[in-house]
Amino acid sequence: MAPKQTLLLILLPMLATFVCQRLYLHLVRVQHVYPAGYLVHHLFIGVLIQIPAAFILAFGTRNRLLALLTPAALGIGSAMVLDEITYLVATQATDEDYVSPVSLWGAVTLISLATILLLVLYRWHCEKTSNGEGARRDSS
């Protein structure tokens, strides 16, 4: 898969998931999930999506559908995790804190940093490949 396609398959679902989650939280309301009586934050759901996706990406796949879905899953899971970190660490984790400025701007900051990291890694990869470093490594 081309590096630009990989970048977009991670970045666009990550940003779309983040925007949709925040719009839902701010416009609809906070709704918790309690399977078996335990509060499950979307951070945990994000981890359950993100870890298998990372493992598949680490080893690669020859399945075309999986090759397209896995980076998207990584982006979706990452957004879910990054969205809740500030909420759980820097607030009292109440329903009101979900939609507080601290939670919102902390999440915006983390998503922005993740976006910058993705763009830097993409640019670094493209520069390595254009210098021939990627071709030498692949042929050995």
N, C-alpha and C. Protein backbone atom coordinates (compact mmCIF):
# COMPACT_ATOMS: atom_id res chain seq x y z
N MET A 1 0.85 -1.17 0.00
CA MET A 1 0.00 0.00 0.00
C MET A 1 0.90 1.24 0.00
N ALA A 2 0.50 2.24 -0.73
CA ALA A 2 1.28 3.47 -0.82
C ALA A 2 1.26 4.21 0.52
N PRO A 3 2.38 4.85 0.88
CA PRO A 3 2.44 5.58 2.16
C PRO A 3 1.33 6.63 2.30
N LYS A 4 1.01 7.33 1.23
CA LYS A 4 -0.04 8.36 1.32
C LYS A 4 -1.39 7.73 1.63
N GLN A 5 -1.65 6.56 1.03
CA GLN A 5 -2.91 5.87 1.30
C GLN A 5 -2.96 5.41 2.77
N THR A 6 -1.83 4.90 3.28
CA THR A 6 -1.76 4.50 4.68
C THR A 6 -2.01 5.70 5.60
N LEU A 7 -1.36 6.81 5.30
CA LEU A 7 -1.55 8.04 6.09
C LEU A 7 -3.03 8.41 6.13
N LEU A 8 -3.67 8.45 4.98
CA LEU A 8 -5.07 8.87 4.92
C LEU A 8 -6.01 7.85 5.59
N LEU A 9 -5.67 6.56 5.47
CA LEU A 9 -6.50 5.53 6.10
C LEU A 9 -6.42 5.54 7.62
N ILE A 10 -5.36 6.12 8.16
CA ILE A 10 -5.26 6.29 9.62
C ILE A 10 -5.81 7.65 10.02
N LEU A 11 -5.36 8.70 9.35
CA LEU A 11 -5.66 10.08 9.74
C LEU A 11 -7.13 10.44 9.60
N LEU A 12 -7.74 10.14 8.47
CA LEU A 12 -9.14 10.56 8.25
C LEU A 12 -10.11 9.88 9.22
N PRO A 13 -10.02 8.55 9.42
CA PRO A 13 -10.91 7.94 10.43
C PRO A 13 -10.64 8.45 11.85
N MET A 14 -9.37 8.75 12.16
CA MET A 14 -9.05 9.28 13.48
C MET A 14 -9.73 10.63 13.69
N LEU A 15 -9.58 11.52 12.72
CA LEU A 15 -10.19 12.85 12.84
C LEU A 15 -11.72 12.78 12.82
N ALA A 16 -12.27 11.95 11.94
CA ALA A 16 -13.73 11.82 11.86
C ALA A 16 -14.31 11.25 13.15
N THR A 17 -13.64 10.24 13.71
CA THR A 17 -14.11 9.65 14.98
C THR A 17 -14.07 10.69 16.09
N PHE A 18 -12.98 11.43 16.16
CA PHE A 18 -12.85 12.45 17.20
C PHE A 18 -13.96 13.50 17.08
N VAL A 19 -14.17 14.01 15.89
CA VAL A 19 -15.20 15.05 15.68
C VAL A 19 -16.58 14.50 16.01
N CYS A 20 -16.88 13.28 15.55
CA CYS A 20 -18.20 12.69 15.82
C CYS A 20 -18.42 12.46 17.32
N GLN A 21 -17.40 11.95 18.00
CA GLN A 21 -17.53 11.73 19.44
C GLN A 21 -17.79 13.02 20.18
N ARG A 22 -17.02 14.04 19.85
CA ARG A 22 -17.17 15.32 20.55
C ARG A 22 -18.49 15.99 20.23
N LEU A 23 -18.93 15.93 18.98
CA LEU A 23 -20.24 16.49 18.64
C LEU A 23 -21.34 15.75 19.41
N TYR A 24 -21.25 14.45 19.47
CA TYR A 24 -22.24 13.66 20.20
C TYR A 24 -22.24 14.04 21.67
N LEU A 25 -21.06 14.10 22.28
CA LEU A 25 -20.97 14.44 23.71
C LEU A 25 -21.52 15.83 24.00
N HIS A 26 -21.24 16.78 23.13
CA HIS A 26 -21.63 18.17 23.39
C HIS A 26 -23.06 18.47 22.95
N LEU A 27 -23.55 17.81 21.92
CA LEU A 27 -24.88 18.13 21.40
C LEU A 27 -25.98 17.20 21.89
N VAL A 28 -25.67 15.93 22.09
CA VAL A 28 -26.69 14.97 22.52
C VAL A 28 -26.65 14.89 24.04
N ARG A 29 -25.71 14.19 24.58
CA ARG A 29 -25.44 14.13 26.01
C ARG A 29 -24.55 12.94 26.29
N VAL A 30 -24.00 12.92 27.47
CA VAL A 30 -23.13 11.83 27.88
C VAL A 30 -24.01 10.62 28.20
N GLN A 31 -23.70 9.48 27.60
CA GLN A 31 -24.40 8.24 27.89
C GLN A 31 -23.35 7.17 28.18
N HIS A 32 -23.41 6.61 29.36
CA HIS A 32 -22.42 5.61 29.75
C HIS A 32 -22.90 4.21 29.39
N VAL A 33 -21.94 3.31 29.24
CA VAL A 33 -22.22 1.91 28.97
C VAL A 33 -21.80 1.13 30.22
N TYR A 34 -22.70 0.27 30.72
CA TYR A 34 -22.44 -0.49 31.94
C TYR A 34 -22.64 -1.99 31.70
N PRO A 35 -21.77 -2.65 30.96
CA PRO A 35 -21.93 -4.11 30.83
C PRO A 35 -21.57 -4.79 32.16
N ALA A 36 -22.43 -5.68 32.59
CA ALA A 36 -22.25 -6.42 33.86
C ALA A 36 -22.07 -5.48 35.04
N GLY A 37 -22.61 -4.27 34.94
CA GLY A 37 -22.55 -3.33 36.04
C GLY A 37 -21.27 -2.50 36.12
N TYR A 38 -20.36 -2.66 35.17
CA TYR A 38 -19.10 -1.92 35.17
C TYR A 38 -19.14 -0.78 34.15
N LEU A 39 -18.68 0.38 34.56
CA LEU A 39 -18.61 1.53 33.66
C LEU A 39 -17.48 1.32 32.66
N VAL A 40 -17.80 1.35 31.38
CA VAL A 40 -16.79 1.18 30.33
C VAL A 40 -16.71 2.49 29.54
N HIS A 41 -15.57 3.15 29.65
CA HIS A 41 -15.33 4.38 28.90
C HIS A 41 -14.95 4.03 27.47
N HIS A 42 -15.14 5.00 26.54
CA HIS A 42 -14.77 4.69 25.16
C HIS A 42 -13.26 4.55 24.99
N LEU A 43 -12.48 4.95 25.97
CA LEU A 43 -11.04 4.68 25.94
C LEU A 43 -10.80 3.18 25.88
N PHE A 44 -11.53 2.40 26.67
CA PHE A 44 -11.34 0.95 26.70
C PHE A 44 -11.78 0.30 25.39
N ILE A 45 -12.86 0.79 24.83
CA ILE A 45 -13.31 0.29 23.53
C ILE A 45 -12.26 0.62 22.47
N GLY A 46 -11.69 1.83 22.56
CA GLY A 46 -10.63 2.22 21.63
C GLY A 46 -9.42 1.31 21.73
N VAL A 47 -9.06 0.94 22.94
CA VAL A 47 -7.92 0.03 23.14
C VAL A 47 -8.22 -1.33 22.52
N LEU A 48 -9.45 -1.81 22.68
CA LEU A 48 -9.83 -3.11 22.11
C LEU A 48 -9.82 -3.08 20.58
N ILE A 49 -9.98 -1.92 19.99
CA ILE A 49 -9.89 -1.77 18.53
C ILE A 49 -8.43 -1.58 18.12
N GLN A 50 -7.72 -0.76 18.87
CA GLN A 50 -6.36 -0.33 18.51
C GLN A 50 -5.32 -1.45 18.61
N ILE A 51 -5.35 -2.24 19.66
CA ILE A 51 -4.30 -3.25 19.86
C ILE A 51 -4.31 -4.32 18.77
N PRO A 52 -5.45 -4.94 18.46
CA PRO A 52 -5.42 -5.91 17.35
C PRO A 52 -4.98 -5.27 16.03
N ALA A 53 -5.41 -4.05 15.78
CA ALA A 53 -5.01 -3.37 14.55
C ALA A 53 -3.50 -3.17 14.50
N ALA A 54 -2.92 -2.78 15.62
CA ALA A 54 -1.46 -2.58 15.68
C ALA A 54 -0.73 -3.90 15.46
N PHE A 55 -1.23 -4.99 16.02
CA PHE A 55 -0.59 -6.29 15.85
C PHE A 55 -0.65 -6.74 14.38
N ILE A 56 -1.80 -6.55 13.75
CA ILE A 56 -1.94 -6.91 12.34
C ILE A 56 -1.00 -6.07 11.49
N LEU A 57 -0.92 -4.78 11.77
CA LEU A 57 -0.01 -3.91 11.01
C LEU A 57 1.45 -4.29 11.24
N ALA A 58 1.78 -4.74 12.43
CA ALA A 58 3.16 -5.11 12.73
C ALA A 58 3.61 -6.31 11.88
N PHE A 59 2.72 -7.24 11.63
CA PHE A 59 3.08 -8.44 10.88
C PHE A 59 2.64 -8.38 9.41
N GLY A 60 1.78 -7.44 9.09
CA GLY A 60 1.31 -7.31 7.71
C GLY A 60 0.24 -8.33 7.38
N THR A 61 -0.42 -8.09 6.27
CA THR A 61 -1.45 -9.01 5.81
C THR A 61 -1.48 -8.99 4.28
N ARG A 62 -1.85 -10.10 3.71
CA ARG A 62 -1.99 -10.17 2.25
C ARG A 62 -3.45 -10.00 1.85
N ASN A 63 -4.33 -9.98 2.82
CA ASN A 63 -5.76 -9.81 2.55
C ASN A 63 -6.03 -8.33 2.27
N ARG A 64 -6.49 -8.01 1.09
CA ARG A 64 -6.69 -6.61 0.66
C ARG A 64 -7.68 -5.88 1.56
N LEU A 65 -8.79 -6.52 1.90
CA LEU A 65 -9.78 -5.88 2.76
C LEU A 65 -9.21 -5.58 4.14
N LEU A 66 -8.50 -6.55 4.70
CA LEU A 66 -7.87 -6.35 6.01
C LEU A 66 -6.80 -5.26 5.95
N ALA A 67 -6.08 -5.19 4.84
CA ALA A 67 -5.05 -4.16 4.66
C ALA A 67 -5.67 -2.76 4.63
N LEU A 68 -6.90 -2.64 4.18
CA LEU A 68 -7.60 -1.35 4.17
C LEU A 68 -8.27 -1.04 5.51
N LEU A 69 -8.85 -2.06 6.13
CA LEU A 69 -9.59 -1.85 7.38
C LEU A 69 -8.67 -1.65 8.59
N THR A 70 -7.51 -2.29 8.59
CA THR A 70 -6.63 -2.23 9.76
C THR A 70 -6.12 -0.82 10.05
N PRO A 71 -5.59 -0.06 9.07
CA PRO A 71 -5.18 1.31 9.39
C PRO A 71 -6.36 2.18 9.84
N ALA A 72 -7.52 1.96 9.24
CA ALA A 72 -8.71 2.71 9.66
C ALA A 72 -9.07 2.39 11.11
N ALA A 73 -8.99 1.10 11.46
CA ALA A 73 -9.26 0.70 12.85
C ALA A 73 -8.25 1.33 13.80
N LEU A 74 -6.99 1.40 13.38
CA LEU A 74 -5.97 2.04 14.21
C LEU A 74 -6.32 3.52 14.44
N GLY A 75 -6.77 4.20 13.40
CA GLY A 75 -7.17 5.60 13.53
C GLY A 75 -8.38 5.77 14.44
N ILE A 76 -9.37 4.92 14.28
CA ILE A 76 -10.58 5.00 15.10
C ILE A 76 -10.26 4.72 16.57
N GLY A 77 -9.52 3.65 16.82
CA GLY A 77 -9.14 3.31 18.19
C GLY A 77 -8.29 4.39 18.83
N SER A 78 -7.37 4.95 18.07
CA SER A 78 -6.51 6.02 18.59
C SER A 78 -7.32 7.24 18.99
N ALA A 79 -8.29 7.60 18.17
CA ALA A 79 -9.14 8.76 18.50
C ALA A 79 -9.90 8.52 19.79
N MET A 80 -10.41 7.31 19.96
CA MET A 80 -11.19 7.00 21.16
C MET A 80 -10.31 7.07 22.41
N VAL A 81 -9.08 6.60 22.29
CA VAL A 81 -8.15 6.64 23.43
C VAL A 81 -7.73 8.08 23.72
N LEU A 82 -7.28 8.78 22.70
CA LEU A 82 -6.77 10.15 22.89
C LEU A 82 -7.85 11.09 23.40
N ASP A 83 -9.09 10.84 23.00
CA ASP A 83 -10.20 11.70 23.42
C ASP A 83 -10.42 11.65 24.93
N GLU A 84 -10.16 10.53 25.56
CA GLU A 84 -10.48 10.39 26.98
C GLU A 84 -9.32 10.56 27.94
N ILE A 85 -8.10 10.62 27.45
CA ILE A 85 -6.95 10.69 28.36
C ILE A 85 -7.04 11.89 29.29
N THR A 86 -7.22 13.08 28.75
CA THR A 86 -7.28 14.28 29.59
C THR A 86 -8.46 14.20 30.54
N TYR A 87 -9.61 13.74 30.05
CA TYR A 87 -10.81 13.61 30.88
C TYR A 87 -10.53 12.74 32.10
N LEU A 88 -9.88 11.60 31.90
CA LEU A 88 -9.65 10.68 33.01
C LEU A 88 -8.49 11.10 33.92
N VAL A 89 -7.50 11.81 33.37
CA VAL A 89 -6.32 12.16 34.15
C VAL A 89 -6.44 13.54 34.81
N ALA A 90 -7.00 14.51 34.10
CA ALA A 90 -6.96 15.89 34.57
C ALA A 90 -8.27 16.42 35.14
N THR A 91 -9.30 15.58 35.20
CA THR A 91 -10.58 16.03 35.77
C THR A 91 -11.04 15.04 36.84
N GLN A 92 -12.16 15.35 37.46
CA GLN A 92 -12.74 14.44 38.45
C GLN A 92 -13.54 13.33 37.79
N ALA A 93 -13.62 13.34 36.45
CA ALA A 93 -14.30 12.31 35.64
C ALA A 93 -15.80 12.24 35.91
N THR A 94 -16.43 13.41 36.06
CA THR A 94 -17.88 13.47 36.19
C THR A 94 -18.49 13.63 34.80
N ASP A 95 -19.82 13.50 34.71
CA ASP A 95 -20.50 13.72 33.43
C ASP A 95 -20.24 15.13 32.91
N GLU A 96 -20.24 16.11 33.81
CA GLU A 96 -20.00 17.49 33.41
C GLU A 96 -18.57 17.68 32.89
N ASP A 97 -17.63 16.92 33.46
CA ASP A 97 -16.24 17.02 33.03
C ASP A 97 -16.03 16.54 31.59
N TYR A 98 -16.89 15.63 31.11
CA TYR A 98 -16.78 15.17 29.73
C TYR A 98 -16.84 16.35 28.76
N VAL A 99 -17.71 17.30 29.07
CA VAL A 99 -17.91 18.42 28.16
C VAL A 99 -17.26 19.71 28.68
N SER A 100 -16.34 19.57 29.60
CA SER A 100 -15.65 20.74 30.15
C SER A 100 -14.58 21.23 29.18
N PRO A 101 -14.20 22.51 29.30
CA PRO A 101 -13.11 23.03 28.46
C PRO A 101 -11.80 22.27 28.66
N VAL A 102 -11.51 21.83 29.88
CA VAL A 102 -10.27 21.09 30.14
C VAL A 102 -10.26 19.80 29.32
N SER A 103 -11.35 19.05 29.36
CA SER A 103 -11.44 17.80 28.62
C SER A 103 -11.39 18.05 27.12
N LEU A 104 -12.15 19.02 26.65
CA LEU A 104 -12.19 19.33 25.22
C LEU A 104 -10.83 19.76 24.69
N TRP A 105 -10.21 20.74 25.33
CA TRP A 105 -8.95 21.27 24.81
C TRP A 105 -7.79 20.30 25.04
N GLY A 106 -7.88 19.49 26.08
CA GLY A 106 -6.87 18.44 26.25
C GLY A 106 -6.97 17.42 25.13
N ALA A 107 -8.19 17.04 24.77
CA ALA A 107 -8.39 16.09 23.68
C ALA A 107 -7.97 16.69 22.34
N VAL A 108 -8.31 17.96 22.11
CA VAL A 108 -7.89 18.63 20.88
C VAL A 108 -6.37 18.66 20.79
N THR A 109 -5.71 18.93 21.89
CA THR A 109 -4.25 18.97 21.91
C THR A 109 -3.66 17.61 21.59
N LEU A 110 -4.18 16.55 22.20
CA LEU A 110 -3.65 15.21 21.95
C LEU A 110 -3.91 14.75 20.52
N ILE A 111 -5.09 15.03 19.99
CA ILE A 111 -5.38 14.68 18.59
C ILE A 111 -4.48 15.47 17.65
N SER A 112 -4.23 16.74 17.98
CA SER A 112 -3.34 17.56 17.15
C SER A 112 -1.92 17.02 17.17
N LEU A 113 -1.44 16.62 18.34
CA LEU A 113 -0.10 16.04 18.44
C LEU A 113 -0.01 14.72 17.67
N ALA A 114 -1.05 13.91 17.74
CA ALA A 114 -1.06 12.66 16.99
C ALA A 114 -1.05 12.93 15.48
N THR A 115 -1.79 13.94 15.06
CA THR A 115 -1.82 14.32 13.64
C THR A 115 -0.45 14.79 13.18
N ILE A 116 0.18 15.63 13.98
CA ILE A 116 1.53 16.11 13.65
C ILE A 116 2.50 14.94 13.57
N LEU A 117 2.43 14.02 14.53
CA LEU A 117 3.31 12.85 14.51
C LEU A 117 3.11 12.03 13.24
N LEU A 118 1.87 11.79 12.87
CA LEU A 118 1.59 11.04 11.63
C LEU A 118 2.18 11.75 10.41
N LEU A 119 2.00 13.06 10.35
CA LEU A 119 2.52 13.81 9.19
C LEU A 119 4.04 13.82 9.16
N VAL A 120 4.68 13.93 10.32
CA VAL A 120 6.14 13.89 10.39
C VAL A 120 6.65 12.51 9.96
N LEU A 121 6.02 11.46 10.47
CA LEU A 121 6.43 10.10 10.09
C LEU A 121 6.23 9.86 8.60
N TYR A 122 5.15 10.35 8.05
CA TYR A 122 4.89 10.22 6.61
C TYR A 122 5.98 10.94 5.81
N ARG A 123 6.27 12.16 6.20
CA ARG A 123 7.30 12.93 5.48
C ARG A 123 8.66 12.26 5.60
N TRP A 124 8.99 11.78 6.79
CA TRP A 124 10.27 11.10 7.01
C TRP A 124 10.35 9.84 6.14
N HIS A 125 9.26 9.09 6.08
CA HIS A 125 9.22 7.89 5.25
C HIS A 125 9.42 8.24 3.77
N CYS A 126 8.75 9.27 3.32
CA CYS A 126 8.87 9.68 1.91
C CYS A 126 10.28 10.15 1.58
N GLU A 127 10.91 10.87 2.51
CA GLU A 127 12.29 11.32 2.29
C GLU A 127 13.26 10.15 2.25
N LYS A 128 13.09 9.18 3.16
CA LYS A 128 13.94 7.99 3.16
C LYS A 128 13.80 7.23 1.86
N THR A 129 12.56 7.08 1.39
CA THR A 129 12.31 6.33 0.18
C THR A 129 12.89 7.05 -1.04
N SER A 130 12.76 8.37 -1.09
CA SER A 130 13.29 9.11 -2.24
C SER A 130 14.82 9.13 -2.25
N ASN A 131 15.46 8.94 -1.09
CA ASN A 131 16.92 8.86 -1.02
C ASN A 131 17.44 7.46 -1.30
N GLY A 132 16.54 6.51 -1.52
CA GLY A 132 16.95 5.15 -1.80
C GLY A 132 17.19 4.30 -0.58
N GLU A 133 17.03 4.84 0.60
CA GLU A 133 17.29 4.06 1.82
C GLU A 133 16.29 2.93 1.98
N GLY A 134 15.02 3.18 1.63
CA GLY A 134 14.00 2.15 1.77
C GLY A 134 14.26 0.99 0.83
N ALA A 135 14.73 1.28 -0.39
CA ALA A 135 14.98 0.23 -1.36
C ALA A 135 16.14 -0.65 -0.91
N ARG A 136 17.18 -0.08 -0.35
CA ARG A 136 18.31 -0.88 0.13
C ARG A 136 17.89 -1.79 1.27
N ARG A 137 17.10 -1.26 2.19
CA ARG A 137 16.68 -2.05 3.34
C ARG A 137 15.78 -3.20 2.88
N ASP A 138 14.89 -2.94 1.93
CA ASP A 138 13.96 -3.98 1.48
C ASP A 138 14.68 -5.09 0.71
N SER A 139 15.77 -4.79 0.04
CA SER A 139 16.45 -5.80 -0.77
C SER A 139 17.35 -6.70 0.06
N SER A 140 17.63 -6.34 1.29
CA SER A 140 18.52 -7.19 2.09
C SER A 140 17.79 -8.29 2.80
